[in-house]
Amino acid sequence: MATVQLRNPTEGRTYYDRKKTDGKTSMEATRCLKRRLSDVVYRTMLTDYSTVQATGPGGHRGTTQTSSAAGSHPHTSSSDKSLPGPVTHQRRTRQTATA
């Protein structure tokens, strides 16, 4: 994340440049930017966690823990479903060209 922030004119790049003008080396300024980004990610995770606690499983109101994507049983996967009947191969006879 820090590398991408430094490539583009973002808030991260502005923060990095400010640290450099404060006398930090490139490595120190990068370390400060990484720490700031990790703090943002951590706060976002905490916010998401508290939202899930309020809304329920899946993070959306009204969701259930059962899945209907693969079947009515929550442990059924798409590979557990029956396949169509056996394949029958019909031989094709080669047609001869009549001149």
PDB file of N, CA and C in Angstrom:
ATOM      1  N   MET A   1       0.824  -1.188   0.000  1.00  0.00           N
ATOM      2  CA  MET A   1       0.000   0.000   0.000  1.00  0.00           C
ATOM      3  C   MET A   1       0.866   1.248   0.000  1.00  0.00           C
ATOM      4  N   ALA A   2       1.917   1.199   0.780  1.00  0.00           N
ATOM      5  CA  ALA A   2       2.770   2.384   0.881  1.00  0.00           C
ATOM      6  C   ALA A   2       3.434   2.686  -0.462  1.00  0.00           C
ATOM      7  N   THR A   3       3.846   1.652  -1.171  1.00  0.00           N
ATOM      8  CA  THR A   3       4.496   1.853  -2.467  1.00  0.00           C
ATOM      9  C   THR A   3       3.539   2.504  -3.451  1.00  0.00           C
ATOM     10  N   VAL A   4       2.308   2.037  -3.479  1.00  0.00           N
ATOM     11  CA  VAL A   4       1.317   2.614  -4.382  1.00  0.00           C
ATOM     12  C   VAL A   4       1.008   4.049  -3.975  1.00  0.00           C
ATOM     13  N   GLN A   5       0.918   4.301  -2.678  1.00  0.00           N
ATOM     14  CA  GLN A   5       0.675   5.661  -2.206  1.00  0.00           C
ATOM     15  C   GLN A   5       1.794   6.604  -2.647  1.00  0.00           C
ATOM     16  N   LEU A   6       3.017   6.105  -2.660  1.00  0.00           N
ATOM     17  CA  LEU A   6       4.145   6.962  -3.034  1.00  0.00           C
ATOM     18  C   LEU A   6       4.212   7.202  -4.541  1.00  0.00           C
ATOM     19  N   ARG A   7       3.671   6.291  -5.336  1.00  0.00           N
ATOM     20  CA  ARG A   7       3.706   6.454  -6.790  1.00  0.00           C
ATOM     21  C   ARG A   7       2.738   7.522  -7.287  1.00  0.00           C
ATOM     22  N   ASN A   8       1.663   7.744  -6.553  1.00  0.00           N
ATOM     23  CA  ASN A   8       0.593   8.621  -7.001  1.00  0.00           C
ATOM     24  C   ASN A   8       0.467   9.836  -6.080  1.00  0.00           C
ATOM     25  N   PRO A   9      -0.099  10.921  -6.575  1.00  0.00           N
ATOM     26  CA  PRO A   9      -0.300  12.098  -5.718  1.00  0.00           C
ATOM     27  C   PRO A   9      -1.484  11.878  -4.779  1.00  0.00           C
ATOM     28  N   THR A  10      -1.227  11.263  -3.630  1.00  0.00           N
ATOM     29  CA  THR A  10      -2.279  10.929  -2.665  1.00  0.00           C
ATOM     30  C   THR A  10      -1.965  11.578  -1.328  1.00  0.00           C
ATOM     31  N   GLU A  11      -2.852  11.372  -0.365  1.00  0.00           N
ATOM     32  CA  GLU A  11      -2.601  11.864   0.990  1.00  0.00           C
ATOM     33  C   GLU A  11      -1.354  11.200   1.565  1.00  0.00           C
ATOM     34  N   GLY A  12      -1.132   9.942   1.208  1.00  0.00           N
ATOM     35  CA  GLY A  12       0.054   9.232   1.680  1.00  0.00           C
ATOM     36  C   GLY A  12       1.335   9.859   1.164  1.00  0.00           C
ATOM     37  N   ARG A  13       1.315  10.272  -0.091  1.00  0.00           N
ATOM     38  CA  ARG A  13       2.490  10.934  -0.673  1.00  0.00           C
ATOM     39  C   ARG A  13       2.744  12.264   0.019  1.00  0.00           C
ATOM     40  N   THR A  14       1.678  12.998   0.315  1.00  0.00           N
ATOM     41  CA  THR A  14       1.810  14.276   1.023  1.00  0.00           C
ATOM     42  C   THR A  14       2.390  14.054   2.415  1.00  0.00           C
ATOM     43  N   TYR A  15       1.912  13.026   3.111  1.00  0.00           N
ATOM     44  CA  TYR A  15       2.418  12.690   4.444  1.00  0.00           C
ATOM     45  C   TYR A  15       3.899  12.327   4.371  1.00  0.00           C
ATOM     46  N   TYR A  16       4.272  11.513   3.378  1.00  0.00           N
ATOM     47  CA  TYR A  16       5.675  11.112   3.185  1.00  0.00           C
ATOM     48  C   TYR A  16       6.550  12.337   2.942  1.00  0.00           C
ATOM     49  N   ASP A  17       6.116  13.214   2.057  1.00  0.00           N
ATOM     50  CA  ASP A  17       6.895  14.420   1.752  1.00  0.00           C
ATOM     51  C   ASP A  17       7.047  15.307   2.987  1.00  0.00           C
ATOM     52  N   ARG A  18       5.988  15.390   3.796  1.00  0.00           N
ATOM     53  CA  ARG A  18       6.053  16.189   5.024  1.00  0.00           C
ATOM     54  C   ARG A  18       7.078  15.597   5.996  1.00  0.00           C
ATOM     55  N   LYS A  19       7.116  14.271   6.109  1.00  0.00           N
ATOM     56  CA  LYS A  19       8.091  13.626   6.988  1.00  0.00           C
ATOM     57  C   LYS A  19       9.518  13.851   6.482  1.00  0.00           C
ATOM     58  N   LYS A  20       9.685  13.834   5.155  1.00  0.00           N
ATOM     59  CA  LYS A  20      11.016  14.081   4.581  1.00  0.00           C
ATOM     60  C   LYS A  20      11.477  15.507   4.874  1.00  0.00           C
ATOM     61  N   THR A  21      10.563  16.478   4.791  1.00  0.00           N
ATOM     62  CA  THR A  21      10.950  17.864   5.070  1.00  0.00           C
ATOM     63  C   THR A  21      11.206  18.075   6.562  1.00  0.00           C
ATOM     64  N   ASP A  22      10.635  17.202   7.406  1.00  0.00           N
ATOM     65  CA  ASP A  22      10.900  17.268   8.848  1.00  0.00           C
ATOM     66  C   ASP A  22      12.264  16.700   9.210  1.00  0.00           C
ATOM     67  N   GLY A  23      12.987  16.155   8.212  1.00  0.00           N
ATOM     68  CA  GLY A  23      14.334  15.657   8.468  1.00  0.00           C
ATOM     69  C   GLY A  23      14.457  14.147   8.521  1.00  0.00           C
ATOM     70  N   LYS A  24      13.398  13.415   8.226  1.00  0.00           N
ATOM     71  CA  LYS A  24      13.472  11.948   8.233  1.00  0.00           C
ATOM     72  C   LYS A  24      14.165  11.471   6.961  1.00  0.00           C
ATOM     73  N   THR A  25      14.817  10.315   7.057  1.00  0.00           N
ATOM     74  CA  THR A  25      15.389   9.698   5.861  1.00  0.00           C
ATOM     75  C   THR A  25      14.259   9.039   5.072  1.00  0.00           C
ATOM     76  N   SER A  26      14.577   8.587   3.867  1.00  0.00           N
ATOM     77  CA  SER A  26      13.565   7.930   3.034  1.00  0.00           C
ATOM     78  C   SER A  26      12.991   6.706   3.724  1.00  0.00           C
ATOM     79  N   MET A  27      13.853   5.901   4.327  1.00  0.00           N
ATOM     80  CA  MET A  27      13.406   4.685   5.019  1.00  0.00           C
ATOM     81  C   MET A  27      12.540   5.033   6.225  1.00  0.00           C
ATOM     82  N   GLU A  28      12.928   6.057   6.977  1.00  0.00           N
ATOM     83  CA  GLU A  28      12.141   6.456   8.153  1.00  0.00           C
ATOM     84  C   GLU A  28      10.774   7.004   7.739  1.00  0.00           C
ATOM     85  N   ALA A  29      10.754   7.809   6.672  1.00  0.00           N
ATOM     86  CA  ALA A  29       9.490   8.370   6.196  1.00  0.00           C
ATOM     87  C   ALA A  29       8.582   7.256   5.668  1.00  0.00           C
ATOM     88  N   THR A  30       9.159   6.270   4.987  1.00  0.00           N
ATOM     89  CA  THR A  30       8.380   5.130   4.502  1.00  0.00           C
ATOM     90  C   THR A  30       7.822   4.331   5.670  1.00  0.00           C
ATOM     91  N   ARG A  31       8.637   4.136   6.699  1.00  0.00           N
ATOM     92  CA  ARG A  31       8.187   3.412   7.891  1.00  0.00           C
ATOM     93  C   ARG A  31       7.025   4.149   8.561  1.00  0.00           C
ATOM     94  N   CYS A  32       7.110   5.473   8.642  1.00  0.00           N
ATOM     95  CA  CYS A  32       6.012   6.265   9.214  1.00  0.00           C
ATOM     96  C   CYS A  32       4.737   6.116   8.387  1.00  0.00           C
ATOM     97  N   LEU A  33       4.876   6.126   7.059  1.00  0.00           N
ATOM     98  CA  LEU A  33       3.723   5.970   6.189  1.00  0.00           C
ATOM     99  C   LEU A  33       3.101   4.585   6.356  1.00  0.00           C
ATOM    100  N   LYS A  34       3.934   3.552   6.452  1.00  0.00           N
ATOM    101  CA  LYS A  34       3.414   2.191   6.650  1.00  0.00           C
ATOM    102  C   LYS A  34       2.661   2.092   7.972  1.00  0.00           C
ATOM    103  N   ARG A  35       3.190   2.713   8.996  1.00  0.00           N
ATOM    104  CA  ARG A  35       2.528   2.682  10.296  1.00  0.00           C
ATOM    105  C   ARG A  35       1.183   3.406  10.236  1.00  0.00           C
ATOM    106  N   ARG A  36       1.159   4.537   9.555  1.00  0.00           N
ATOM    107  CA  ARG A  36      -0.093   5.284   9.421  1.00  0.00           C
ATOM    108  C   ARG A  36      -1.130   4.468   8.653  1.00  0.00           C
ATOM    109  N   LEU A  37      -0.709   3.791   7.582  1.00  0.00           N
ATOM    110  CA  LEU A  37      -1.630   2.973   6.802  1.00  0.00           C
ATOM    111  C   LEU A  37      -2.135   1.778   7.613  1.00  0.00           C
ATOM    112  N   SER A  38      -1.252   1.166   8.403  1.00  0.00           N
ATOM    113  CA  SER A  38      -1.694   0.033   9.218  1.00  0.00           C
ATOM    114  C   SER A  38      -2.694   0.490  10.280  1.00  0.00           C
ATOM    115  N   ASP A  39      -2.523   1.698  10.793  1.00  0.00           N
ATOM    116  CA  ASP A  39      -3.495   2.236  11.753  1.00  0.00           C
ATOM    117  C   ASP A  39      -4.863   2.443  11.100  1.00  0.00           C
ATOM    118  N   VAL A  40      -4.848   2.924   9.854  1.00  0.00           N
ATOM    119  CA  VAL A  40      -6.106   3.124   9.128  1.00  0.00           C
ATOM    120  C   VAL A  40      -6.804   1.788   8.897  1.00  0.00           C
ATOM    121  N   VAL A  41      -6.043   0.776   8.500  1.00  0.00           N
ATOM    122  CA  VAL A  41      -6.616  -0.549   8.260  1.00  0.00           C
ATOM    123  C   VAL A  41      -7.176  -1.124   9.561  1.00  0.00           C
ATOM    124  N   TYR A  42      -6.449  -0.964  10.645  1.00  0.00           N
ATOM    125  CA  TYR A  42      -6.906  -1.493  11.932  1.00  0.00           C
ATOM    126  C   TYR A  42      -8.211  -0.817  12.373  1.00  0.00           C
ATOM    127  N   ARG A  43      -8.270   0.504  12.239  1.00  0.00           N
ATOM    128  CA  ARG A  43      -9.508   1.215  12.607  1.00  0.00           C
ATOM    129  C   ARG A  43     -10.672   0.774  11.729  1.00  0.00           C
ATOM    130  N   THR A  44     -10.412   0.547  10.446  1.00  0.00           N
ATOM    131  CA  THR A  44     -11.452   0.073   9.537  1.00  0.00           C
ATOM    132  C   THR A  44     -11.944  -1.303   9.943  1.00  0.00           C
ATOM    133  N   MET A  45     -11.018  -2.183  10.339  1.00  0.00           N
ATOM    134  CA  MET A  45     -11.405  -3.520  10.784  1.00  0.00           C
ATOM    135  C   MET A  45     -12.253  -3.454  12.044  1.00  0.00           C
ATOM    136  N   LEU A  46     -11.893  -2.584  12.969  1.00  0.00           N
ATOM    137  CA  LEU A  46     -12.696  -2.437  14.184  1.00  0.00           C
ATOM    138  C   LEU A  46     -14.097  -1.912  13.875  1.00  0.00           C
ATOM    139  N   THR A  47     -14.177  -0.962  12.960  1.00  0.00           N
ATOM    140  CA  THR A  47     -15.472  -0.425  12.564  1.00  0.00           C
ATOM    141  C   THR A  47     -16.322  -1.503  11.898  1.00  0.00           C
ATOM    142  N   ASP A  48     -15.714  -2.293  11.013  1.00  0.00           N
ATOM    143  CA  ASP A  48     -16.436  -3.372  10.348  1.00  0.00           C
ATOM    144  C   ASP A  48     -16.905  -4.407  11.356  1.00  0.00           C
ATOM    145  N   TYR A  49     -16.078  -4.708  12.339  1.00  0.00           N
ATOM    146  CA  TYR A  49     -16.447  -5.691  13.350  1.00  0.00           C
ATOM    147  C   TYR A  49     -17.646  -5.217  14.157  1.00  0.00           C
ATOM    148  N   SER A  50     -17.642  -3.952  14.555  1.00  0.00           N
ATOM    149  CA  SER A  50     -18.775  -3.456  15.331  1.00  0.00           C
ATOM    150  C   SER A  50     -20.033  -3.384  14.473  1.00  0.00           C
ATOM    151  N   THR A  51     -19.895  -3.150  13.169  1.00  0.00           N
ATOM    152  CA  THR A  51     -21.040  -3.147  12.266  1.00  0.00           C
ATOM    153  C   THR A  51     -21.624  -4.542  12.146  1.00  0.00           C
ATOM    154  N   VAL A  52     -20.773  -5.570  12.058  1.00  0.00           N
ATOM    155  CA  VAL A  52     -21.239  -6.948  11.957  1.00  0.00           C
ATOM    156  C   VAL A  52     -21.967  -7.344  13.227  1.00  0.00           C
ATOM    157  N   GLN A  53     -21.495  -6.903  14.372  1.00  0.00           N
ATOM    158  CA  GLN A  53     -22.153  -7.222  15.631  1.00  0.00           C
ATOM    159  C   GLN A  53     -23.565  -6.647  15.651  1.00  0.00           C
ATOM    160  N   ALA A  54     -23.748  -5.503  15.040  1.00  0.00           N
ATOM    161  CA  ALA A  54     -25.060  -4.863  15.046  1.00  0.00           C
ATOM    162  C   ALA A  54     -25.992  -5.434  13.982  1.00  0.00           C
ATOM    163  N   THR A  55     -25.436  -5.925  12.888  1.00  0.00           N
ATOM    164  CA  THR A  55     -26.286  -6.348  11.782  1.00  0.00           C
ATOM    165  C   THR A  55     -26.515  -7.844  11.737  1.00  0.00           C
ATOM    166  N   GLY A  56     -25.550  -8.651  12.129  1.00  0.00           N
ATOM    167  CA  GLY A  56     -25.721 -10.094  12.058  1.00  0.00           C
ATOM    168  C   GLY A  56     -24.710 -10.719  11.124  1.00  0.00           C
ATOM    169  N   PRO A  57     -24.843 -12.026  10.840  1.00  0.00           N
ATOM    170  CA  PRO A  57     -23.862 -12.704  10.002  1.00  0.00           C
ATOM    171  C   PRO A  57     -23.874 -12.148   8.583  1.00  0.00           C
ATOM    172  N   GLY A  58     -22.731 -12.072   7.998  1.00  0.00           N
ATOM    173  CA  GLY A  58     -22.626 -11.561   6.645  1.00  0.00           C
ATOM    174  C   GLY A  58     -22.527 -10.056   6.564  1.00  0.00           C
ATOM    175  N   GLY A  59     -22.758  -9.346   7.671  1.00  0.00           N
ATOM    176  CA  GLY A  59     -22.639  -7.903   7.676  1.00  0.00           C
ATOM    177  C   GLY A  59     -23.833  -7.165   7.107  1.00  0.00           C
ATOM    178  N   HIS A  60     -24.899  -7.884   6.777  1.00  0.00           N
ATOM    179  CA  HIS A  60     -26.080  -7.247   6.218  1.00  0.00           C
ATOM    180  C   HIS A  60     -27.292  -7.584   7.069  1.00  0.00           C
ATOM    181  N   ARG A  61     -28.177  -6.646   7.211  1.00  0.00           N
ATOM    182  CA  ARG A  61     -29.382  -6.881   7.988  1.00  0.00           C
ATOM    183  C   ARG A  61     -30.268  -7.903   7.282  1.00  0.00           C
ATOM    184  N   GLY A  62     -30.827  -8.838   8.067  1.00  0.00           N
ATOM    185  CA  GLY A  62     -31.755  -9.815   7.518  1.00  0.00           C
ATOM    186  C   GLY A  62     -31.115 -11.047   6.923  1.00  0.00           C
ATOM    187  N   THR A  63     -29.806 -11.202   7.038  1.00  0.00           N
ATOM    188  CA  THR A  63     -29.167 -12.388   6.481  1.00  0.00           C
ATOM    189  C   THR A  63     -29.269 -13.536   7.468  1.00  0.00           C
ATOM    190  N   THR A  64     -29.130 -14.746   6.951  1.00  0.00           N
ATOM    191  CA  THR A  64     -29.167 -15.935   7.788  1.00  0.00           C
ATOM    192  C   THR A  64     -27.862 -16.681   7.643  1.00  0.00           C
ATOM    193  N   GLN A  65     -27.647 -17.649   8.498  1.00  0.00           N
ATOM    194  CA  GLN A  65     -26.415 -18.423   8.419  1.00  0.00           C
ATOM    195  C   GLN A  65     -26.529 -19.587   7.462  1.00  0.00           C
ATOM    196  N   THR A  66     -27.717 -19.886   6.964  1.00  0.00           N
ATOM    197  CA  THR A  66     -27.863 -20.977   6.014  1.00  0.00           C
ATOM    198  C   THR A  66     -27.594 -20.467   4.612  1.00  0.00           C
ATOM    199  N   SER A  67     -27.048 -21.321   3.801  1.00  0.00           N
ATOM    200  CA  SER A  67     -26.718 -20.948   2.439  1.00  0.00           C
ATOM    201  C   SER A  67     -27.648 -21.673   1.485  1.00  0.00           C
ATOM    202  N   SER A  68     -28.160 -20.964   0.510  1.00  0.00           N
ATOM    203  CA  SER A  68     -29.008 -21.598  -0.482  1.00  0.00           C
ATOM    204  C   SER A  68     -28.298 -21.670  -1.818  1.00  0.00           C
ATOM    205  N   ALA A  69     -27.008 -21.356  -1.854  1.00  0.00           N
ATOM    206  CA  ALA A  69     -26.290 -21.337  -3.114  1.00  0.00           C
ATOM    207  C   ALA A  69     -26.086 -22.740  -3.668  1.00  0.00           C
ATOM    208  N   ALA A  70     -25.779 -23.717  -2.816  1.00  0.00           N
ATOM    209  CA  ALA A  70     -25.498 -25.064  -3.300  1.00  0.00           C
ATOM    210  C   ALA A  70     -26.616 -26.043  -2.981  1.00  0.00           C
ATOM    211  N   GLY A  71     -27.475 -25.741  -2.064  1.00  0.00           N
ATOM    212  CA  GLY A  71     -28.559 -26.644  -1.714  1.00  0.00           C
ATOM    213  C   GLY A  71     -29.189 -26.227  -0.404  1.00  0.00           C
ATOM    214  N   SER A  72     -30.170 -26.997   0.028  1.00  0.00           N
ATOM    215  CA  SER A  72     -30.856 -26.632   1.256  1.00  0.00           C
ATOM    216  C   SER A  72     -30.039 -26.970   2.493  1.00  0.00           C
ATOM    217  N   HIS A  73     -29.136 -27.922   2.381  1.00  0.00           N
ATOM    218  CA  HIS A  73     -28.269 -28.277   3.504  1.00  0.00           C
ATOM    219  C   HIS A  73     -27.035 -27.385   3.451  1.00  0.00           C
ATOM    220  N   PRO A  74     -26.641 -26.751   4.561  1.00  0.00           N
ATOM    221  CA  PRO A  74     -25.547 -25.786   4.489  1.00  0.00           C
ATOM    222  C   PRO A  74     -24.201 -26.393   4.121  1.00  0.00           C
ATOM    223  N   HIS A  75     -24.033 -27.706   4.249  1.00  0.00           N
ATOM    224  CA  HIS A  75     -22.741 -28.315   3.937  1.00  0.00           C
ATOM    225  C   HIS A  75     -22.719 -28.945   2.548  1.00  0.00           C
ATOM    226  N   THR A  76     -23.750 -28.743   1.745  1.00  0.00           N
ATOM    227  CA  THR A  76     -23.799 -29.280   0.400  1.00  0.00           C
ATOM    228  C   THR A  76     -23.007 -28.363  -0.517  1.00  0.00           C
ATOM    229  N   SER A  77     -22.113 -28.951  -1.280  1.00  0.00           N
ATOM    230  CA  SER A  77     -21.377 -28.145  -2.248  1.00  0.00           C
ATOM    231  C   SER A  77     -21.850 -28.514  -3.643  1.00  0.00           C
ATOM    232  N   SER A  78     -21.432 -27.773  -4.610  1.00  0.00           N
ATOM    233  CA  SER A  78     -21.874 -28.033  -5.973  1.00  0.00           C
ATOM    234  C   SER A  78     -21.342 -29.367  -6.478  1.00  0.00           C
ATOM    235  N   SER A  79     -20.239 -29.870  -5.920  1.00  0.00           N
ATOM    236  CA  SER A  79     -19.707 -31.153  -6.370  1.00  0.00           C
ATOM    237  C   SER A  79     -20.493 -32.323  -5.792  1.00  0.00           C
ATOM    238  N   ASP A  80     -21.346 -32.086  -4.774  1.00  0.00           N
ATOM    239  CA  ASP A  80     -22.158 -33.149  -4.191  1.00  0.00           C
ATOM    240  C   ASP A  80     -23.455 -33.382  -4.950  1.00  0.00           C
ATOM    241  N   LYS A  81     -23.761 -32.540  -5.902  1.00  0.00           N
ATOM    242  CA  LYS A  81     -25.008 -32.685  -6.641  1.00  0.00           C
ATOM    243  C   LYS A  81     -24.865 -33.790  -7.675  1.00  0.00           C
ATOM    244  N   SER A  82     -25.991 -34.430  -8.004  1.00  0.00           N
ATOM    245  CA  SER A  82     -25.949 -35.520  -8.972  1.00  0.00           C
ATOM    246  C   SER A  82     -25.674 -34.979 -10.367  1.00  0.00           C
ATOM    247  N   LEU A  83     -25.028 -35.815 -11.146  1.00  0.00           N
ATOM    248  CA  LEU A  83     -24.686 -35.441 -12.504  1.00  0.00           C
ATOM    249  C   LEU A  83     -25.741 -36.009 -13.443  1.00  0.00           C
ATOM    250  N   PRO A  84     -25.819 -35.524 -14.662  1.00  0.00           N
ATOM    251  CA  PRO A  84     -26.767 -36.088 -15.601  1.00  0.00           C
ATOM    252  C   PRO A  84     -26.401 -37.540 -15.912  1.00  0.00           C
ATOM    253  N   GLY A  85     -27.298 -38.253 -16.541  1.00  0.00           N
ATOM    254  CA  GLY A  85     -27.105 -39.677 -16.831  1.00  0.00           C
ATOM    255  C   GLY A  85     -25.846 -39.958 -17.640  1.00  0.00           C
ATOM    256  N   PRO A  86     -25.575 -41.241 -17.899  1.00  0.00           N
ATOM    257  CA  PRO A  86     -24.351 -41.605 -18.609  1.00  0.00           C
ATOM    258  C   PRO A  86     -24.362 -41.086 -20.039  1.00  0.00           C
ATOM    259  N   VAL A  87     -23.199 -40.832 -20.535  1.00  0.00           N
ATOM    260  CA  VAL A  87     -23.054 -40.315 -21.883  1.00  0.00           C
ATOM    261  C   VAL A  87     -23.081 -41.493 -22.847  1.00  0.00           C
ATOM    262  N   THR A  88     -23.859 -41.396 -23.877  1.00  0.00           N
ATOM    263  CA  THR A  88     -23.880 -42.439 -24.904  1.00  0.00           C
ATOM    264  C   THR A  88     -23.213 -41.880 -26.144  1.00  0.00           C
ATOM    265  N   HIS A  89     -22.311 -42.635 -26.654  1.00  0.00           N
ATOM    266  CA  HIS A  89     -21.599 -42.218 -27.854  1.00  0.00           C
ATOM    267  C   HIS A  89     -22.219 -42.928 -29.049  1.00  0.00           C
ATOM    268  N   GLN A  90     -22.643 -42.208 -30.017  1.00  0.00           N
ATOM    269  CA  GLN A  90     -23.180 -42.801 -31.234  1.00  0.00           C
ATOM    270  C   GLN A  90     -22.101 -42.701 -32.302  1.00  0.00           C
ATOM    271  N   ARG A  91     -21.805 -43.850 -32.879  1.00  0.00           N
ATOM    272  CA  ARG A  91     -20.784 -43.844 -33.916  1.00  0.00           C
ATOM    273  C   ARG A  91     -21.345 -43.220 -35.181  1.00  0.00           C
ATOM    274  N   ARG A  92     -20.555 -42.430 -35.776  1.00  0.00           N
ATOM    275  CA  ARG A  92     -20.948 -41.830 -37.036  1.00  0.00           C
ATOM    276  C   ARG A  92     -20.334 -42.637 -38.165  1.00  0.00           C
ATOM    277  N   THR A  93     -21.134 -42.903 -39.112  1.00  0.00           N
ATOM    278  CA  THR A  93     -20.588 -43.612 -40.272  1.00  0.00           C
ATOM    279  C   THR A  93     -20.059 -42.588 -41.248  1.00  0.00           C
ATOM    280  N   ARG A  94     -18.954 -42.906 -41.803  1.00  0.00           N
ATOM    281  CA  ARG A  94     -18.320 -41.993 -42.730  1.00  0.00           C
ATOM    282  C   ARG A  94     -19.048 -42.081 -44.073  1.00  0.00           C
ATOM    283  N   GLN A  95     -19.454 -40.957 -44.583  1.00  0.00           N
ATOM    284  CA  GLN A  95     -20.131 -40.939 -45.874  1.00  0.00           C
ATOM    285  C   GLN A  95     -19.084 -40.844 -46.949  1.00  0.00           C
ATOM    286  N   THR A  96     -19.277 -41.704 -47.926  1.00  0.00           N
ATOM    287  CA  THR A  96     -18.332 -41.686 -49.043  1.00  0.00           C
ATOM    288  C   THR A  96     -18.815 -40.707 -50.091  1.00  0.00           C
ATOM    289  N   ALA A  97     -17.906 -40.059 -50.707  1.00  0.00           N
ATOM    290  CA  ALA A  97     -18.257 -39.090 -51.750  1.00  0.00           C
ATOM    291  C   ALA A  97     -18.560 -39.844 -53.041  1.00  0.00           C
ATOM    292  N   THR A  98     -19.669 -39.516 -53.650  1.00  0.00           N
ATOM    293  CA  THR A  98     -20.020 -40.145 -54.935  1.00  0.00           C
ATOM    294  C   THR A  98     -19.647 -39.190 -56.045  1.00  0.00           C
ATOM    295  N   ALA A  99     -19.021 -39.753 -57.049  1.00  0.00           N
ATOM    296  CA  ALA A  99     -18.575 -38.888 -58.127  1.00  0.00           C
ATOM    297  C   ALA A  99     -19.506 -38.910 -59.301  1.00  0.00           C
TER     298      ALA A  99
END
